[in-house]
Amino acid sequence: MSKAFTGMVAGIALAFAAVLGGAGAFLLVAALGGLGWAIGAWFDGGGRVRDLRETVERVRR
């Protein structure tokens, strides 16, 4: 699946959330979409717990 198509689907989902649920639903869908993207990117990179721990430690500094 192309990145353009994925972006289009995400945009449509956000638009439906904004129209049907208002600003709160829009923000919830955007936040959960971002979390899903982060988890997917982590799994694409190997999904090692050590990498996740190093990232958290790097952010705290």
C-alpha atoms as a PDB file:
ATOM      1  CA  MET A   1       0.000   0.000   0.000  1.00  0.00           C
ATOM      2  CA  SER A   2       1.426   3.399  -0.926  1.00  0.00           C
ATOM      3  CA  LYS A   3       2.055   6.150   1.593  1.00  0.00           C
ATOM      4  CA  ALA A   4      -0.215   8.498  -0.348  1.00  0.00           C
ATOM      5  CA  PHE A   5      -3.107   6.052  -0.093  1.00  0.00           C
ATOM      6  CA  THR A   6      -2.470   5.503   3.612  1.00  0.00           C
ATOM      7  CA  GLY A   7      -2.426   9.257   4.170  1.00  0.00           C
ATOM      8  CA  MET A   8      -5.664   9.655   2.254  1.00  0.00           C
ATOM      9  CA  VAL A   9      -7.379   6.979   4.361  1.00  0.00           C
ATOM     10  CA  ALA A  10      -6.133   8.613   7.563  1.00  0.00           C
ATOM     11  CA  GLY A  11      -7.415  11.989   6.363  1.00  0.00           C
ATOM     12  CA  ILE A  12     -10.831  10.550   5.580  1.00  0.00           C
ATOM     13  CA  ALA A  13     -11.005   8.920   9.022  1.00  0.00           C
ATOM     14  CA  LEU A  14     -10.102  12.208  10.699  1.00  0.00           C
ATOM     15  CA  ALA A  15     -12.671  14.069   8.615  1.00  0.00           C
ATOM     16  CA  PHE A  16     -15.431  11.629   9.593  1.00  0.00           C
ATOM     17  CA  ALA A  17     -14.426  11.900  13.251  1.00  0.00           C
ATOM     18  CA  ALA A  18     -14.543  15.706  13.074  1.00  0.00           C
ATOM     19  CA  VAL A  19     -17.910  15.782  11.326  1.00  0.00           C
ATOM     20  CA  LEU A  20     -19.627  13.101  13.402  1.00  0.00           C
ATOM     21  CA  GLY A  21     -18.020  13.548  16.804  1.00  0.00           C
ATOM     22  CA  GLY A  22     -16.689  17.080  16.968  1.00  0.00           C
ATOM     23  CA  ALA A  23     -13.287  18.315  18.066  1.00  0.00           C
ATOM     24  CA  GLY A  24     -12.887  15.788  20.890  1.00  0.00           C
ATOM     25  CA  ALA A  25     -13.369  12.828  18.570  1.00  0.00           C
ATOM     26  CA  PHE A  26     -11.013  14.400  16.028  1.00  0.00           C
ATOM     27  CA  LEU A  27      -8.273  14.722  18.637  1.00  0.00           C
ATOM     28  CA  LEU A  28      -8.844  11.192  19.933  1.00  0.00           C
ATOM     29  CA  VAL A  29      -8.636   9.710  16.428  1.00  0.00           C
ATOM     30  CA  ALA A  30      -5.505  11.759  15.673  1.00  0.00           C
ATOM     31  CA  ALA A  31      -3.821  10.683  18.931  1.00  0.00           C
ATOM     32  CA  LEU A  32      -4.657   7.008  18.470  1.00  0.00           C
ATOM     33  CA  GLY A  33      -3.542   7.195  14.842  1.00  0.00           C
ATOM     34  CA  GLY A  34      -0.204   8.623  15.926  1.00  0.00           C
ATOM     35  CA  LEU A  35       0.181   5.922  18.552  1.00  0.00           C
ATOM     36  CA  GLY A  36      -0.635   3.251  15.974  1.00  0.00           C
ATOM     37  CA  TRP A  37       1.909   4.717  13.577  1.00  0.00           C
ATOM     38  CA  ALA A  38       4.588   4.717  16.292  1.00  0.00           C
ATOM     39  CA  ILE A  39       3.898   1.093  17.225  1.00  0.00           C
ATOM     40  CA  GLY A  40       3.911   0.057  13.566  1.00  0.00           C
ATOM     41  CA  ALA A  41       7.194   1.853  12.938  1.00  0.00           C
ATOM     42  CA  TRP A  42       8.676   0.180  16.013  1.00  0.00           C
ATOM     43  CA  PHE A  43       7.642  -3.271  14.750  1.00  0.00           C
ATOM     44  CA  ASP A  44       8.983  -2.470  11.269  1.00  0.00           C
ATOM     45  CA  GLY A  45      12.339  -1.651  12.849  1.00  0.00           C
ATOM     46  CA  GLY A  46      12.585  -5.017  14.588  1.00  0.00           C
ATOM     47  CA  GLY A  47      10.404  -4.429  17.622  1.00  0.00           C
ATOM     48  CA  ARG A  48      13.055  -4.974  20.277  1.00  0.00           C
ATOM     49  CA  VAL A  49      12.254  -3.913  23.854  1.00  0.00           C
ATOM     50  CA  ARG A  50      15.823  -2.663  24.288  1.00  0.00           C
ATOM     51  CA  ASP A  51      15.296  -0.118  21.487  1.00  0.00           C
ATOM     52  CA  LEU A  52      12.132   1.146  23.170  1.00  0.00           C
ATOM     53  CA  ARG A  53      13.892   1.514  26.521  1.00  0.00           C
ATOM     54  CA  GLU A  54      16.805   3.402  24.913  1.00  0.00           C
ATOM     55  CA  THR A  55      14.382   5.788  23.212  1.00  0.00           C
ATOM     56  CA  VAL A  56      12.600   6.539  26.497  1.00  0.00           C
ATOM     57  CA  GLU A  57      15.919   7.159  28.252  1.00  0.00           C
ATOM     58  CA  ARG A  58      17.066   9.452  25.440  1.00  0.00           C
ATOM     59  CA  VAL A  59      13.870  11.526  25.709  1.00  0.00           C
ATOM     60  CA  ARG A  60      14.313  11.955  29.476  1.00  0.00           C
ATOM     61  CA  ARG A  61      17.758  13.544  29.065  1.00  0.00           C
END
